[in-house]
N, C-alpha and C. Protein backbone atom coordinates (compact mmCIF):
# COMPACT_ATOMS: atom_id res chain seq x y z
N MET A 1 20.82 73.92 128.51
CA MET A 1 20.77 73.70 129.94
C MET A 1 19.87 74.77 130.56
N PRO A 2 18.92 74.37 131.43
CA PRO A 2 18.03 75.35 132.03
C PRO A 2 18.77 76.24 133.02
N GLY A 3 18.20 77.42 133.27
CA GLY A 3 18.80 78.34 134.22
C GLY A 3 18.52 77.97 135.66
N ILE A 4 17.59 77.05 135.87
CA ILE A 4 17.20 76.63 137.21
C ILE A 4 17.16 75.11 137.21
N ASP A 5 17.79 74.49 138.20
CA ASP A 5 17.74 73.04 138.31
C ASP A 5 16.36 72.61 138.79
N LEU A 6 15.85 71.53 138.20
CA LEU A 6 14.55 71.00 138.56
C LEU A 6 14.73 69.57 139.06
N PRO A 7 14.90 69.38 140.36
CA PRO A 7 15.12 68.04 140.89
C PRO A 7 13.96 67.10 140.53
N ASN A 8 14.30 65.97 139.94
CA ASN A 8 13.34 64.91 139.62
C ASN A 8 12.26 65.31 138.63
N ARG A 9 12.42 66.43 137.94
CA ARG A 9 11.43 66.88 136.98
C ARG A 9 12.10 67.63 135.86
N SER A 10 11.83 67.24 134.64
CA SER A 10 12.44 67.93 133.52
C SER A 10 11.59 69.12 133.09
N ALA A 11 12.21 70.02 132.36
CA ALA A 11 11.48 71.16 131.81
C ALA A 11 10.38 70.65 130.87
N ALA A 12 10.64 69.58 130.14
CA ALA A 12 9.63 69.01 129.24
C ALA A 12 8.42 68.51 130.03
N ASP A 13 8.66 67.95 131.22
CA ASP A 13 7.54 67.50 132.07
C ASP A 13 6.65 68.68 132.47
N ILE A 14 7.27 69.78 132.85
CA ILE A 14 6.48 70.94 133.29
C ILE A 14 5.77 71.56 132.09
N ARG A 15 6.41 71.65 130.95
CA ARG A 15 5.72 72.15 129.75
C ARG A 15 4.51 71.28 129.42
N GLN A 16 4.65 69.97 129.56
CA GLN A 16 3.51 69.08 129.29
C GLN A 16 2.40 69.30 130.31
N ASP A 17 2.77 69.53 131.58
CA ASP A 17 1.75 69.84 132.60
C ASP A 17 0.99 71.11 132.23
N ILE A 18 1.69 72.11 131.73
CA ILE A 18 1.04 73.36 131.31
C ILE A 18 0.04 73.07 130.20
N ILE A 19 0.45 72.30 129.21
CA ILE A 19 -0.44 71.96 128.10
C ILE A 19 -1.64 71.16 128.61
N ASP A 20 -1.39 70.20 129.50
CA ASP A 20 -2.47 69.36 130.03
C ASP A 20 -3.45 70.15 130.89
N GLN A 21 -2.95 71.14 131.61
CA GLN A 21 -3.81 71.92 132.51
C GLN A 21 -4.47 73.11 131.84
N ALA A 22 -4.08 73.43 130.63
CA ALA A 22 -4.65 74.58 129.94
C ALA A 22 -6.15 74.38 129.74
N GLU A 23 -6.90 75.43 130.03
CA GLU A 23 -8.35 75.39 129.84
C GLU A 23 -8.65 75.58 128.36
N PRO A 24 -9.74 74.99 127.88
CA PRO A 24 -10.13 75.24 126.49
C PRO A 24 -10.41 76.73 126.29
N ILE A 25 -10.19 77.20 125.07
CA ILE A 25 -10.44 78.60 124.78
C ILE A 25 -11.94 78.87 124.88
N THR A 26 -12.27 79.85 125.70
CA THR A 26 -13.66 80.25 125.91
C THR A 26 -13.71 81.77 125.87
N SER A 27 -14.90 82.31 126.04
CA SER A 27 -15.01 83.77 126.12
C SER A 27 -14.55 84.27 127.48
N GLU A 28 -14.51 83.38 128.46
CA GLU A 28 -14.08 83.75 129.81
C GLU A 28 -12.55 83.76 129.89
N GLN A 29 -12.01 84.62 130.74
CA GLN A 29 -10.56 84.67 130.93
C GLN A 29 -10.09 83.37 131.59
N ARG A 30 -9.12 82.72 130.96
CA ARG A 30 -8.60 81.44 131.44
C ARG A 30 -7.41 81.66 132.37
N ILE A 31 -7.46 81.06 133.55
CA ILE A 31 -6.41 81.22 134.55
C ILE A 31 -5.68 79.89 134.72
N LEU A 32 -4.36 79.98 134.75
CA LEU A 32 -3.53 78.83 135.08
C LEU A 32 -2.80 79.17 136.37
N VAL A 33 -2.86 78.25 137.32
CA VAL A 33 -2.25 78.47 138.63
C VAL A 33 -0.96 77.65 138.71
N PHE A 34 0.09 78.28 139.20
CA PHE A 34 1.34 77.58 139.51
C PHE A 34 1.47 77.57 141.02
N GLY A 35 1.66 76.39 141.60
CA GLY A 35 1.75 76.30 143.05
C GLY A 35 2.87 75.40 143.50
N CYS A 36 3.28 75.61 144.73
CA CYS A 36 4.33 74.78 145.34
C CYS A 36 3.76 73.41 145.68
N ARG A 37 4.52 72.40 145.40
CA ARG A 37 4.09 71.01 145.56
C ARG A 37 3.60 70.68 146.97
N ASP A 38 4.29 71.14 147.99
CA ASP A 38 3.96 70.74 149.36
C ASP A 38 3.08 71.74 150.10
N ASP A 39 2.60 72.76 149.42
CA ASP A 39 1.85 73.80 150.11
C ASP A 39 0.37 73.47 150.16
N GLN A 40 -0.23 73.60 151.31
CA GLN A 40 -1.66 73.34 151.52
C GLN A 40 -2.52 74.21 150.61
N GLN A 41 -2.09 75.42 150.38
CA GLN A 41 -2.82 76.36 149.54
C GLN A 41 -3.01 75.81 148.12
N THR A 42 -1.98 75.16 147.59
CA THR A 42 -2.07 74.56 146.25
C THR A 42 -3.17 73.50 146.23
N GLU A 43 -3.23 72.67 147.26
CA GLU A 43 -4.27 71.65 147.36
C GLU A 43 -5.65 72.28 147.41
N GLU A 44 -5.79 73.39 148.12
CA GLU A 44 -7.08 74.08 148.21
C GLU A 44 -7.53 74.59 146.85
N PHE A 45 -6.61 75.09 146.04
CA PHE A 45 -6.95 75.57 144.69
C PHE A 45 -7.34 74.40 143.80
N CYS A 46 -6.68 73.27 143.94
CA CYS A 46 -7.08 72.08 143.18
C CYS A 46 -8.50 71.68 143.54
N ARG A 47 -8.81 71.65 144.84
CA ARG A 47 -10.17 71.30 145.29
C ARG A 47 -11.20 72.32 144.80
N ALA A 48 -10.78 73.57 144.59
CA ALA A 48 -11.69 74.61 144.11
C ALA A 48 -11.88 74.52 142.59
N GLY A 49 -11.22 73.56 141.95
CA GLY A 49 -11.40 73.36 140.52
C GLY A 49 -10.43 74.13 139.65
N ALA A 50 -9.39 74.69 140.23
CA ALA A 50 -8.40 75.45 139.45
C ALA A 50 -7.55 74.50 138.61
N ASN A 51 -7.07 75.02 137.52
CA ASN A 51 -6.11 74.29 136.69
C ASN A 51 -4.73 74.61 137.26
N VAL A 52 -4.09 73.62 137.87
CA VAL A 52 -2.87 73.86 138.64
C VAL A 52 -1.69 73.06 138.09
N VAL A 53 -0.57 73.75 137.96
CA VAL A 53 0.71 73.11 137.64
C VAL A 53 1.56 73.26 138.90
N THR A 54 2.07 72.15 139.39
CA THR A 54 2.86 72.22 140.61
C THR A 54 4.36 72.13 140.29
N VAL A 55 5.10 72.87 141.09
CA VAL A 55 6.55 72.82 141.06
C VAL A 55 6.99 72.57 142.50
N ARG A 56 8.20 72.12 142.67
CA ARG A 56 8.67 71.83 144.03
C ARG A 56 8.64 73.08 144.89
N CYS A 57 9.02 74.20 144.29
CA CYS A 57 9.12 75.48 144.99
C CYS A 57 9.02 76.58 143.95
N MET A 58 8.47 77.72 144.30
CA MET A 58 8.41 78.84 143.36
C MET A 58 9.79 79.20 142.84
N ALA A 59 10.83 78.95 143.62
CA ALA A 59 12.19 79.23 143.17
C ALA A 59 12.57 78.35 141.98
N HIS A 60 11.86 77.23 141.79
CA HIS A 60 12.11 76.35 140.64
C HIS A 60 11.30 76.72 139.42
N LEU A 61 10.44 77.70 139.53
CA LEU A 61 9.60 78.10 138.40
C LEU A 61 10.40 78.99 137.45
N GLN A 62 10.78 78.43 136.33
CA GLN A 62 11.54 79.19 135.34
C GLN A 62 10.63 80.23 134.70
N PRO A 63 11.09 81.46 134.57
CA PRO A 63 10.28 82.49 133.90
C PRO A 63 9.87 82.08 132.49
N SER A 64 10.65 81.24 131.84
CA SER A 64 10.29 80.81 130.49
C SER A 64 8.97 80.04 130.48
N PHE A 65 8.60 79.40 131.59
CA PHE A 65 7.31 78.71 131.66
C PHE A 65 6.16 79.72 131.65
N LEU A 66 6.38 80.87 132.26
CA LEU A 66 5.34 81.91 132.27
C LEU A 66 5.15 82.44 130.86
N ASP A 67 6.27 82.75 130.20
CA ASP A 67 6.21 83.23 128.82
C ASP A 67 5.57 82.17 127.92
N PHE A 68 5.95 80.93 128.07
CA PHE A 68 5.39 79.83 127.28
C PHE A 68 3.87 79.76 127.45
N SER A 69 3.40 79.85 128.68
CA SER A 69 1.96 79.75 128.96
C SER A 69 1.16 80.85 128.30
N LEU A 70 1.70 82.07 128.37
CA LEU A 70 0.97 83.22 127.81
C LEU A 70 1.17 83.34 126.30
N SER A 71 2.40 83.20 125.82
CA SER A 71 2.65 83.41 124.39
C SER A 71 2.05 82.30 123.53
N ARG A 72 1.92 81.12 124.07
CA ARG A 72 1.31 80.01 123.32
C ARG A 72 -0.20 79.93 123.53
N ASN A 73 -0.73 80.92 124.25
CA ASN A 73 -2.18 81.03 124.47
C ASN A 73 -2.75 79.85 125.26
N TYR A 74 -1.98 79.35 126.25
CA TYR A 74 -2.49 78.31 127.13
C TYR A 74 -3.27 78.91 128.29
N ALA A 75 -3.12 80.22 128.51
CA ALA A 75 -3.85 80.91 129.57
C ALA A 75 -3.89 82.40 129.25
N ASP A 76 -4.88 83.06 129.82
CA ASP A 76 -4.99 84.52 129.70
C ASP A 76 -4.36 85.22 130.90
N GLY A 77 -4.24 84.48 132.00
CA GLY A 77 -3.63 85.02 133.20
C GLY A 77 -3.00 83.90 134.01
N LEU A 78 -1.95 84.23 134.75
CA LEU A 78 -1.24 83.26 135.57
C LEU A 78 -1.26 83.71 137.02
N LEU A 79 -1.70 82.83 137.90
CA LEU A 79 -1.71 83.10 139.33
C LEU A 79 -0.65 82.23 139.97
N LEU A 80 0.33 82.86 140.60
CA LEU A 80 1.43 82.14 141.25
C LEU A 80 1.15 82.07 142.75
N LEU A 81 1.31 80.89 143.31
CA LEU A 81 1.11 80.68 144.75
C LEU A 81 2.42 80.29 145.39
N GLY A 82 3.00 81.16 146.16
CA GLY A 82 4.18 80.80 146.93
C GLY A 82 3.72 80.18 148.23
N CYS A 83 4.63 79.68 149.02
CA CYS A 83 4.24 79.14 150.32
C CYS A 83 3.50 80.22 151.10
N GLU A 84 2.49 79.79 151.84
CA GLU A 84 1.66 80.72 152.59
C GLU A 84 2.50 81.58 153.52
N ASP A 85 2.13 82.83 153.63
CA ASP A 85 2.77 83.80 154.52
C ASP A 85 4.25 84.01 154.21
N GLY A 86 4.68 83.65 153.00
CA GLY A 86 6.07 83.87 152.61
C GLY A 86 7.05 82.97 153.31
N ASN A 87 6.57 81.94 154.00
CA ASN A 87 7.44 81.02 154.71
C ASN A 87 7.84 79.88 153.78
N CYS A 88 8.81 80.15 152.93
CA CYS A 88 9.25 79.19 151.91
C CYS A 88 9.85 77.95 152.58
N ASN A 89 9.40 76.78 152.14
CA ASN A 89 9.89 75.52 152.71
C ASN A 89 11.29 75.14 152.27
N TYR A 90 11.75 75.63 151.11
CA TYR A 90 13.02 75.18 150.57
C TYR A 90 14.04 76.28 150.34
N ARG A 91 13.59 77.39 149.74
CA ARG A 91 14.51 78.42 149.31
C ARG A 91 13.85 79.77 149.50
N LEU A 92 14.32 80.73 148.81
CA LEU A 92 13.73 82.06 148.83
C LEU A 92 12.78 82.19 147.65
N GLY A 93 11.86 81.26 147.56
CA GLY A 93 10.99 81.13 146.40
C GLY A 93 10.25 82.39 146.00
N THR A 94 9.55 83.02 146.94
CA THR A 94 8.78 84.20 146.56
C THR A 94 9.68 85.38 146.23
N GLU A 95 10.74 85.56 146.99
CA GLU A 95 11.64 86.68 146.73
C GLU A 95 12.32 86.54 145.37
N TRP A 96 12.79 85.34 145.06
CA TRP A 96 13.46 85.12 143.79
C TRP A 96 12.49 85.24 142.62
N THR A 97 11.26 84.75 142.81
CA THR A 97 10.26 84.85 141.75
C THR A 97 9.92 86.31 141.47
N GLU A 98 9.73 87.09 142.52
CA GLU A 98 9.45 88.53 142.35
C GLU A 98 10.57 89.20 141.56
N ALA A 99 11.81 88.90 141.91
CA ALA A 99 12.96 89.52 141.23
C ALA A 99 13.05 89.07 139.77
N ARG A 100 12.72 87.84 139.49
CA ARG A 100 12.77 87.36 138.10
C ARG A 100 11.68 88.01 137.26
N ILE A 101 10.49 88.14 137.83
CA ILE A 101 9.39 88.77 137.09
C ILE A 101 9.67 90.26 136.89
N ALA A 102 10.33 90.87 137.86
CA ALA A 102 10.72 92.28 137.72
C ALA A 102 11.95 92.44 136.83
N ARG A 103 12.46 91.31 136.34
CA ARG A 103 13.63 91.28 135.45
C ARG A 103 14.90 91.80 136.13
N GLU A 104 15.02 91.47 137.42
CA GLU A 104 16.16 91.90 138.23
C GLU A 104 17.06 90.74 138.65
N ARG A 105 16.65 89.50 138.35
CA ARG A 105 17.42 88.32 138.76
C ARG A 105 17.36 87.30 137.62
N ASP A 106 18.51 86.69 137.34
CA ASP A 106 18.55 85.64 136.32
C ASP A 106 17.99 84.34 136.88
N PRO A 107 17.35 83.56 136.03
CA PRO A 107 16.91 83.91 134.69
C PRO A 107 15.73 84.88 134.75
N ARG A 108 15.80 85.89 133.90
CA ARG A 108 14.81 86.96 133.89
C ARG A 108 13.62 86.63 132.98
N LEU A 109 12.49 87.20 133.33
CA LEU A 109 11.32 87.09 132.48
C LEU A 109 11.57 87.89 131.21
N ARG A 110 11.18 87.34 130.07
CA ARG A 110 11.37 88.04 128.80
C ARG A 110 10.59 89.35 128.78
N LYS A 111 11.15 90.34 128.10
CA LYS A 111 10.50 91.65 128.01
C LYS A 111 9.16 91.58 127.32
N ARG A 112 8.98 90.64 126.42
CA ARG A 112 7.72 90.54 125.69
C ARG A 112 6.57 90.03 126.55
N THR A 113 6.87 89.46 127.71
CA THR A 113 5.83 88.88 128.55
C THR A 113 5.10 89.97 129.32
N ASP A 114 3.80 90.00 129.19
CA ASP A 114 2.94 91.00 129.82
C ASP A 114 2.78 90.69 131.31
N THR A 115 3.48 91.42 132.15
CA THR A 115 3.43 91.15 133.59
C THR A 115 2.08 91.51 134.22
N SER A 116 1.24 92.27 133.52
CA SER A 116 -0.09 92.56 134.07
C SER A 116 -0.97 91.32 134.06
N ARG A 117 -0.53 90.28 133.38
CA ARG A 117 -1.29 89.03 133.32
C ARG A 117 -0.76 88.00 134.33
N ILE A 118 0.16 88.44 135.20
CA ILE A 118 0.75 87.56 136.20
C ILE A 118 0.46 88.13 137.58
N ALA A 119 -0.18 87.31 138.42
CA ALA A 119 -0.46 87.73 139.80
C ALA A 119 0.35 86.86 140.75
N MET A 120 1.04 87.49 141.66
CA MET A 120 1.78 86.77 142.68
C MET A 120 0.89 86.74 143.93
N GLY A 121 0.32 85.58 144.19
CA GLY A 121 -0.70 85.43 145.21
C GLY A 121 -0.28 85.81 146.61
N TRP A 122 1.01 85.91 146.88
CA TRP A 122 1.49 86.27 148.21
C TRP A 122 1.56 87.78 148.40
N LEU A 123 1.31 88.55 147.33
CA LEU A 123 1.34 90.01 147.41
C LEU A 123 -0.08 90.57 147.39
N ALA A 124 -0.26 91.73 148.00
CA ALA A 124 -1.56 92.42 147.94
C ALA A 124 -1.79 92.85 146.51
N PRO A 125 -3.00 92.88 146.05
CA PRO A 125 -4.25 92.65 146.78
C PRO A 125 -4.61 91.17 146.90
N TRP A 126 -3.90 90.29 146.19
CA TRP A 126 -4.26 88.88 146.15
C TRP A 126 -4.11 88.20 147.50
N SER A 127 -3.12 88.60 148.27
CA SER A 127 -2.90 87.98 149.58
C SER A 127 -4.03 88.29 150.56
N ASN A 128 -4.83 89.30 150.27
CA ASN A 128 -5.94 89.67 151.15
C ASN A 128 -7.19 88.83 150.91
N ILE A 129 -7.17 87.97 149.91
CA ILE A 129 -8.32 87.14 149.57
C ILE A 129 -7.97 85.70 149.93
N SER A 130 -8.62 85.16 150.94
CA SER A 130 -8.26 83.82 151.41
C SER A 130 -8.99 82.70 150.67
N ASP A 131 -10.19 82.94 150.18
CA ASP A 131 -10.97 81.91 149.50
C ASP A 131 -10.43 81.69 148.09
N PRO A 132 -10.00 80.45 147.77
CA PRO A 132 -9.42 80.19 146.45
C PRO A 132 -10.35 80.55 145.28
N ALA A 133 -11.62 80.19 145.38
CA ALA A 133 -12.55 80.48 144.27
C ALA A 133 -12.71 81.98 144.10
N LYS A 134 -12.78 82.71 145.19
CA LYS A 134 -12.92 84.17 145.11
C LYS A 134 -11.65 84.80 144.55
N LYS A 135 -10.49 84.28 144.95
CA LYS A 135 -9.22 84.80 144.44
C LYS A 135 -9.14 84.59 142.92
N LEU A 136 -9.53 83.40 142.46
CA LEU A 136 -9.52 83.11 141.02
C LEU A 136 -10.47 84.05 140.27
N ASP A 137 -11.69 84.20 140.78
CA ASP A 137 -12.67 85.08 140.12
C ASP A 137 -12.21 86.52 140.11
N THR A 138 -11.65 86.98 141.21
CA THR A 138 -11.19 88.37 141.29
C THR A 138 -10.06 88.61 140.30
N PHE A 139 -9.12 87.68 140.24
CA PHE A 139 -8.02 87.82 139.28
C PHE A 139 -8.55 87.76 137.85
N ARG A 140 -9.43 86.81 137.58
CA ARG A 140 -10.02 86.67 136.23
C ARG A 140 -10.67 88.00 135.81
N ASN A 141 -11.41 88.60 136.72
CA ASN A 141 -12.11 89.86 136.41
C ASN A 141 -11.17 91.06 136.31
N SER A 142 -9.94 90.94 136.83
CA SER A 142 -8.99 92.04 136.77
C SER A 142 -8.27 92.11 135.43
N LEU A 143 -8.34 91.03 134.67
CA LEU A 143 -7.64 90.98 133.38
C LEU A 143 -8.38 91.82 132.33
N PRO A 144 -7.62 92.36 131.38
CA PRO A 144 -8.28 93.12 130.30
C PRO A 144 -9.27 92.23 129.55
N SER A 145 -10.36 92.79 129.14
CA SER A 145 -11.37 92.08 128.39
C SER A 145 -10.78 91.55 127.08
N LYS A 146 -11.16 90.34 126.71
CA LYS A 146 -10.68 89.77 125.45
C LYS A 146 -11.18 90.60 124.27
N ASP A 147 -12.33 91.29 124.45
CA ASP A 147 -12.86 92.15 123.38
C ASP A 147 -11.95 93.32 123.07
N ASN A 148 -11.12 93.72 124.06
CA ASN A 148 -10.23 94.87 123.89
C ASN A 148 -8.88 94.49 123.31
N GLU A 149 -8.64 93.20 123.13
CA GLU A 149 -7.34 92.76 122.63
C GLU A 149 -7.32 92.84 121.11
N VAL A 150 -6.11 93.00 120.59
CA VAL A 150 -5.92 93.04 119.14
C VAL A 150 -5.83 91.64 118.59
């Protein structure tokens, strides 16, 4: 049983979305965006050509999906988009997500998951960049070089 209820969507559906949205392995850092279903910002990232997996609310994003994306090499970095300006439409999505990634709220992000590869778009410095393409490029460039990885 999952730690978070997913209305009208199974965990298998979201895992398949991650696989479907994963960029092919290239020399460039691959970014996967998770966004809220009803948020205008998510639509803007889709129009900018981002690979986006949507969830009803960031509060529905199980930390295991983040670990799955990174540990299975579906992405080099994950950009999370909460509702703009922290005005969550359903729950305390951004607050709960922050606490889960900080491993302070159940379900917690696994210790093996590299949090430096996860950007929460509602927090600085990411929140200071309004253009989706620029935000993606800036995050991509902030990740450690693939040449430096073991």
